[in-house]
Amino acid sequence: MRTALLRGVALGVLLLLLAGGFRLLRSLAFFEVRRLELVGGRYLTPASVALAIGVPSRASIFDDLAPLEKKARAIPGVLTVRISRRIPGTIRVTLQEAEPVALAERSGRLVLLDGSGQVLPFNPTKPAADLPLADVDPAVTGVLALVREADPALFSRVERATRVHQDVALDVAAGRILFRAGVSSAEVRDLSAVADHLARGGRSWRELDARFASRVVVRGAGA
């Protein structure tokens, strides 16, 4: 019965639209926005998105959605967004959020950083368990983002990431890893192969230096 009713409503709406009845539809209380549905949000909540885009009181789902999309795109941490209608009274917000790569300390509290070094307005308690601490520096977070993509296992072992002059240092339990700020995915995988080779041989190390083209320098006891 409910499905048949909604189909009937949808057909009626279509007929009104074909007859140029947008103004009439917007005036009907039946189509007032009563619900915001969020799709793709891991860190943002429907309430926070609704507050940010500010759906006007007594707004209709047939009102122009472009101003709402513009406001949604301005939410920090939102990469892409699309807003659509669902009859009779739902606005659906489909978005893609920036992925946090690190935690940082700012003004006495922990915040989340994305790969460009921007502070994300997300609750840091959700993804914090597996994220390293890092400097608020786009070079540092950029390296972290690349390491996570190239070698998730290595990324999961990083405890802290810092800027060292023009380079980036990643601290793991075994020691310190040095990368150039512009390191490539292939260079990350080469370093991981060296670290795995040392581990299989039971050899410890203090520092793995991958700042040089086509080679990894191993320093420390047992190397």
Protein backbone atom coordinates (compact mmCIF):
# COMPACT_ATOMS: atom_id res chain seq x y z
CA MET A 1 0.00 0.00 0.00
CA ARG A 2 2.79 2.44 0.96
CA THR A 3 4.72 1.68 -2.25
CA ALA A 4 1.61 2.13 -4.36
CA LEU A 5 0.84 5.43 -2.61
CA LEU A 6 4.35 6.77 -3.18
CA ARG A 7 4.20 5.75 -6.84
CA GLY A 8 0.92 7.57 -7.16
CA VAL A 9 2.37 10.66 -5.52
CA ALA A 10 5.41 10.50 -7.80
CA LEU A 11 3.21 10.24 -10.88
CA GLY A 12 1.14 13.17 -9.73
CA VAL A 13 4.27 15.22 -9.12
CA LEU A 14 5.56 14.37 -12.60
CA LEU A 15 2.30 15.49 -14.18
CA LEU A 16 2.43 18.76 -12.27
CA LEU A 17 6.02 19.32 -13.32
CA LEU A 18 5.13 18.73 -16.94
CA ALA A 19 2.38 21.27 -16.53
CA GLY A 20 4.85 23.81 -15.10
CA GLY A 21 3.59 23.41 -11.56
CA PHE A 22 6.82 24.01 -9.60
CA ARG A 23 5.33 27.03 -7.86
CA LEU A 24 2.31 24.98 -6.80
CA LEU A 25 4.47 22.11 -5.56
CA ARG A 26 6.60 24.44 -3.45
CA SER A 27 3.48 25.81 -1.81
CA LEU A 28 2.24 22.41 -0.65
CA ALA A 29 3.03 21.51 2.97
CA PHE A 30 3.20 17.85 1.92
CA PHE A 31 6.57 18.55 0.25
CA GLU A 32 8.16 20.54 3.07
CA VAL A 33 11.61 19.30 4.05
CA ARG A 34 11.23 17.15 7.15
CA ARG A 35 14.37 15.01 6.98
CA LEU A 36 17.99 15.26 5.87
CA GLU A 37 19.60 12.00 4.78
CA LEU A 38 23.40 11.81 4.76
CA VAL A 39 25.17 9.35 2.44
CA GLY A 40 28.93 8.77 2.56
CA GLY A 41 29.55 10.53 5.87
CA ARG A 42 31.91 8.71 8.23
CA TYR A 43 32.82 11.63 10.48
CA LEU A 44 30.20 14.28 9.76
CA THR A 45 26.70 13.74 11.12
CA PRO A 46 23.32 14.61 9.57
CA ALA A 47 22.81 17.18 12.35
CA SER A 48 26.12 18.94 11.70
CA VAL A 49 25.52 19.00 7.93
CA ALA A 50 21.97 20.31 8.41
CA LEU A 51 23.31 23.07 10.64
CA ALA A 52 26.04 23.98 8.13
CA ILE A 53 23.78 24.21 5.08
CA GLY A 54 20.95 25.89 6.99
CA VAL A 55 17.82 24.49 5.36
CA PRO A 56 15.25 27.30 5.80
CA SER A 57 12.15 26.77 7.87
CA ARG A 58 9.22 25.49 5.80
CA ALA A 59 11.56 24.87 2.84
CA SER A 60 10.26 22.65 0.06
CA ILE A 61 12.18 19.83 -1.56
CA PHE A 62 11.38 21.58 -4.85
CA ASP A 63 13.26 24.73 -3.89
CA ASP A 64 16.51 25.43 -5.72
CA LEU A 65 19.18 23.08 -4.30
CA ALA A 66 22.19 24.98 -5.69
CA PRO A 67 22.57 27.30 -2.63
CA LEU A 68 22.52 24.28 -0.31
CA GLU A 69 25.18 22.49 -2.38
CA LYS A 70 27.37 25.60 -2.29
CA LYS A 71 27.17 25.71 1.51
CA ALA A 72 27.83 21.97 1.77
CA ARG A 73 30.95 22.27 -0.42
CA ALA A 74 32.24 24.94 1.97
CA ILE A 75 32.18 22.55 4.97
CA PRO A 76 35.82 21.87 5.93
CA GLY A 77 36.77 18.32 5.08
CA VAL A 78 34.18 17.86 2.32
CA LEU A 79 35.71 16.98 -1.07
CA THR A 80 32.62 16.45 -3.22
CA VAL A 81 28.90 16.83 -2.61
CA ARG A 82 25.62 16.27 -4.43
CA ILE A 83 22.18 17.11 -3.05
CA SER A 84 19.03 15.46 -4.38
CA ARG A 85 15.35 15.17 -3.49
CA ARG A 86 13.33 12.23 -2.22
CA ILE A 87 9.57 12.53 -2.23
CA PRO A 88 7.76 13.51 -0.15
CA GLY A 89 10.01 15.47 2.25
CA THR A 90 13.63 14.30 2.28
CA ILE A 91 16.80 16.06 1.17
CA ARG A 92 19.62 13.59 0.45
CA VAL A 93 23.19 14.85 0.82
CA THR A 94 25.76 12.55 -0.80
CA LEU A 95 29.32 13.55 -0.02
CA GLN A 96 32.93 12.42 0.08
CA GLU A 97 35.01 13.41 3.07
CA ALA A 98 38.75 14.01 3.23
CA GLU A 99 40.51 11.07 4.86
CA PRO A 100 42.54 11.90 7.99
CA VAL A 101 46.14 10.67 7.94
CA ALA A 102 47.44 11.91 11.30
CA LEU A 103 46.75 13.43 14.68
CA ALA A 104 48.32 16.70 15.79
CA GLU A 105 48.31 18.72 18.98
CA ARG A 106 46.96 22.23 18.69
CA SER A 107 46.04 24.59 21.53
CA GLY A 108 46.17 21.75 24.03
CA ARG A 109 43.88 19.39 22.15
CA LEU A 110 44.17 16.72 19.49
CA VAL A 111 43.00 17.47 15.96
CA LEU A 112 42.90 15.45 12.74
CA LEU A 113 44.97 16.33 9.66
CA ASP A 114 44.39 15.43 6.02
CA GLY A 115 47.07 14.74 3.43
CA SER A 116 47.50 18.45 2.66
CA GLY A 117 48.13 19.32 6.31
CA GLN A 118 44.73 20.95 6.82
CA VAL A 119 42.97 20.55 10.16
CA LEU A 120 39.75 18.58 9.74
CA PRO A 121 36.69 19.44 11.86
CA PHE A 122 36.01 15.78 12.62
CA ASN A 123 35.76 14.12 16.01
CA PRO A 124 39.31 12.77 16.59
CA THR A 125 38.16 9.92 18.83
CA LYS A 126 36.68 7.92 15.91
CA PRO A 127 39.74 7.23 13.71
CA ALA A 128 42.46 8.09 16.23
CA ALA A 129 43.47 4.59 17.30
CA ASP A 130 45.56 3.80 14.21
CA LEU A 131 46.80 7.27 13.28
CA PRO A 132 50.28 8.60 14.04
CA LEU A 133 51.05 11.92 15.67
CA ALA A 134 52.44 14.42 13.18
CA ASP A 135 53.62 17.97 12.67
CA VAL A 136 51.06 20.33 11.15
CA ASP A 137 53.03 20.45 7.92
CA PRO A 138 51.83 19.62 4.37
CA ALA A 139 55.16 17.94 3.55
CA VAL A 140 54.78 15.60 6.52
CA THR A 141 51.12 14.75 5.96
CA GLY A 142 51.72 14.40 2.23
CA VAL A 143 54.34 11.71 2.87
CA LEU A 144 52.00 9.98 5.30
CA ALA A 145 49.17 9.97 2.73
CA LEU A 146 51.48 8.47 0.11
CA VAL A 147 52.82 5.81 2.51
CA ARG A 148 49.29 4.81 3.45
CA GLU A 149 48.41 4.34 -0.22
CA ALA A 150 51.67 2.58 -1.20
CA ASP A 151 52.12 0.38 1.88
CA PRO A 152 49.26 0.29 4.41
CA ALA A 153 51.20 -2.15 6.62
CA LEU A 154 54.09 0.32 6.97
CA PHE A 155 51.66 3.18 7.59
CA SER A 156 50.05 1.21 10.44
CA ARG A 157 53.44 0.98 12.18
CA VAL A 158 54.21 4.71 12.10
CA GLU A 159 53.99 6.24 15.56
CA ARG A 160 55.14 9.78 14.82
CA ALA A 161 55.98 11.85 11.73
CA THR A 162 58.11 15.00 11.87
CA ARG A 163 59.87 17.46 9.58
CA VAL A 164 63.68 17.24 9.62
CA HIS A 165 65.05 20.15 7.59
CA GLN A 166 63.77 19.45 4.04
CA ASP A 167 62.95 15.81 4.75
CA VAL A 168 60.37 13.78 6.69
CA ALA A 169 61.13 11.33 9.49
CA LEU A 170 58.77 8.50 10.39
CA ASP A 171 59.31 6.88 13.78
CA VAL A 172 58.35 3.21 14.09
CA ALA A 173 59.05 0.73 16.88
CA ALA A 174 62.17 -0.58 15.11
CA GLY A 175 63.76 2.83 14.51
CA ARG A 176 63.53 5.88 12.26
CA ILE A 177 62.75 6.07 8.53
CA LEU A 178 63.84 9.05 6.45
CA PHE A 179 62.10 10.10 3.22
CA ARG A 180 62.40 13.07 0.91
CA ALA A 181 59.29 15.24 0.93
CA GLY A 182 58.69 14.26 -2.69
CA VAL A 183 59.12 10.51 -2.21
CA SER A 184 57.44 8.23 -4.76
CA SER A 185 55.30 5.13 -4.20
CA ALA A 186 58.03 2.97 -5.74
CA GLU A 187 60.60 4.32 -3.27
CA VAL A 188 58.28 3.56 -0.35
CA ARG A 189 57.88 -0.02 -1.58
CA ASP A 190 61.65 -0.35 -2.04
CA LEU A 191 62.21 0.70 1.56
CA SER A 192 59.58 -1.75 2.78
CA ALA A 193 61.33 -4.54 0.88
CA VAL A 194 64.62 -3.68 2.62
CA ALA A 195 62.93 -3.58 6.04
CA ASP A 196 61.26 -6.96 5.39
CA HIS A 197 64.59 -8.46 4.29
CA LEU A 198 66.27 -7.27 7.49
CA ALA A 199 63.41 -8.60 9.62
CA ARG A 200 63.57 -12.05 8.00
CA GLY A 201 67.29 -12.18 8.78
CA GLY A 202 66.74 -11.14 12.39
CA ARG A 203 68.83 -8.02 11.87
CA SER A 204 68.01 -4.87 13.81
CA TRP A 205 68.48 -1.33 12.55
CA ARG A 206 68.41 2.17 13.95
CA GLU A 207 67.69 4.14 10.79
CA LEU A 208 66.57 3.44 7.22
CA ASP A 209 67.41 6.32 4.91
CA ALA A 210 65.49 6.36 1.60
CA ARG A 211 66.37 9.90 0.58
CA PHE A 212 68.73 8.75 -2.15
CA ALA A 213 67.67 7.58 -5.59
CA SER A 214 67.57 3.81 -6.12
CA ARG A 215 69.05 2.85 -2.76
CA VAL A 216 68.25 2.60 0.94
CA VAL A 217 70.99 3.29 3.49
CA VAL A 218 70.82 1.12 6.63
CA ARG A 219 72.34 2.48 9.82
CA GLY A 220 72.53 1.07 13.32
CA ALA A 221 73.41 -2.02 15.32
CA GLY A 222 72.94 -5.37 13.63
CA ALA A 223 72.95 -3.87 10.15
